[in-house]
Amino acid sequence: MVLKNGVTISEADLQTQLVVEVRKQIGPVADFKTAIVVERLPKTRSGKILRKLMRQIADGEAYSIPSTIEDPDCLAEIEAAMKARL
């Protein structure tokens, strides 16, 4: 979920709302409990979100930075946010 500009919400409230929404949309099978808030997501120059890359970072796997990434600096921000949360 991406917040609109100017919208502020606490991370705890956002996490609660996301858990409720995922369970409502998918069902209790979706075992979603934790959300990590980051400023920006890794995207290609054409605007596609690099989901596989985020999964690799979350799983602690080795990854290579694709040449099509728009801003590679956001990867360090995501890694730092995940390490701070764990």
Protein backbone atom coordinates (compact mmCIF):
# COMPACT_ATOMS: atom_id res chain seq x y z
CA MET A 1 0.00 0.00 0.00
CA VAL A 2 1.32 3.43 -0.87
CA LEU A 3 0.14 6.39 1.13
CA LYS A 4 -0.90 9.53 -0.68
CA ASN A 5 1.14 12.68 -0.23
CA GLY A 6 0.30 14.51 2.96
CA VAL A 7 -1.30 11.49 4.65
CA THR A 8 0.12 10.62 8.03
CA ILE A 9 -0.67 7.53 10.06
CA SER A 10 1.23 5.70 12.76
CA GLU A 11 2.99 2.54 11.70
CA ALA A 12 1.01 0.49 14.26
CA ASP A 13 -2.34 1.79 12.97
CA LEU A 14 -1.31 1.15 9.37
CA GLN A 15 -0.23 -2.39 10.19
CA THR A 16 -3.54 -3.10 11.94
CA GLN A 17 -5.53 -1.76 8.98
CA LEU A 18 -3.47 -3.80 6.51
CA VAL A 19 -3.94 -7.04 8.46
CA VAL A 20 -7.70 -6.48 8.62
CA GLU A 21 -7.92 -5.64 4.91
CA VAL A 22 -5.86 -8.66 3.82
CA ARG A 23 -7.95 -11.01 5.96
CA LYS A 24 -11.14 -9.46 4.60
CA GLN A 25 -10.03 -9.72 0.96
CA ILE A 26 -8.21 -13.08 1.05
CA GLY A 27 -9.46 -14.74 4.22
CA PRO A 28 -7.92 -16.07 7.43
CA VAL A 29 -5.67 -18.30 5.34
CA ALA A 30 -3.54 -15.21 4.67
CA ASP A 31 -1.13 -15.23 7.61
CA PHE A 32 -0.12 -11.60 7.29
CA LYS A 33 1.03 -10.07 10.58
CA THR A 34 3.82 -7.57 9.99
CA ALA A 35 4.14 -4.57 7.71
CA ILE A 36 7.27 -2.49 7.25
CA VAL A 37 6.88 1.10 6.14
CA VAL A 38 9.44 2.45 3.65
CA GLU A 39 9.61 5.77 1.85
CA ARG A 40 9.77 4.30 -1.66
CA LEU A 41 9.70 0.99 -3.50
CA PRO A 42 12.22 -0.33 -6.03
CA LYS A 43 10.81 0.29 -9.49
CA THR A 44 11.98 -0.07 -13.03
CA ARG A 45 12.24 2.97 -15.26
CA SER A 46 8.86 2.01 -16.71
CA GLY A 47 7.28 2.03 -13.22
CA LYS A 48 6.97 -1.69 -12.46
CA ILE A 49 7.59 -2.66 -8.83
CA LEU A 50 10.40 -5.19 -8.40
CA ARG A 51 8.55 -7.66 -6.17
CA LYS A 52 11.02 -10.52 -6.61
CA LEU A 53 13.86 -8.28 -5.50
CA MET A 54 11.94 -7.27 -2.36
CA ARG A 55 11.24 -10.96 -1.60
CA GLN A 56 14.94 -11.75 -1.95
CA ILE A 57 15.84 -8.93 0.44
CA ALA A 58 13.20 -10.08 2.94
CA ASP A 59 14.39 -13.69 2.77
CA GLY A 60 18.03 -12.66 3.19
CA GLU A 61 18.99 -14.11 -0.18
CA ALA A 62 21.73 -12.78 -2.41
CA TYR A 63 20.42 -10.55 -5.17
CA SER A 64 21.74 -8.57 -8.06
CA ILE A 65 20.62 -5.06 -8.83
CA PRO A 66 18.93 -5.04 -12.24
CA SER A 67 20.11 -2.53 -14.81
CA THR A 68 16.55 -1.31 -15.30
CA ILE A 69 16.10 -0.08 -11.71
CA GLU A 70 15.16 3.56 -11.43
CA ASP A 71 16.79 4.31 -8.06
CA PRO A 72 19.13 1.68 -6.57
CA ASP A 73 19.52 3.71 -3.35
CA CYS A 74 16.06 2.63 -2.21
CA LEU A 75 17.34 -0.94 -1.76
CA ALA A 76 19.62 0.11 1.09
CA GLU A 77 16.67 1.89 2.73
CA ILE A 78 14.53 -1.25 2.49
CA GLU A 79 17.31 -3.45 3.91
CA ALA A 80 17.83 -1.05 6.82
CA ALA A 81 14.08 -0.93 7.58
CA MET A 82 13.88 -4.73 7.58
CA LYS A 83 16.94 -5.13 9.81
CA ALA A 84 15.60 -2.54 12.25
CA ARG A 85 12.29 -4.43 12.46
CA LEU A 86 13.79 -7.84 13.03
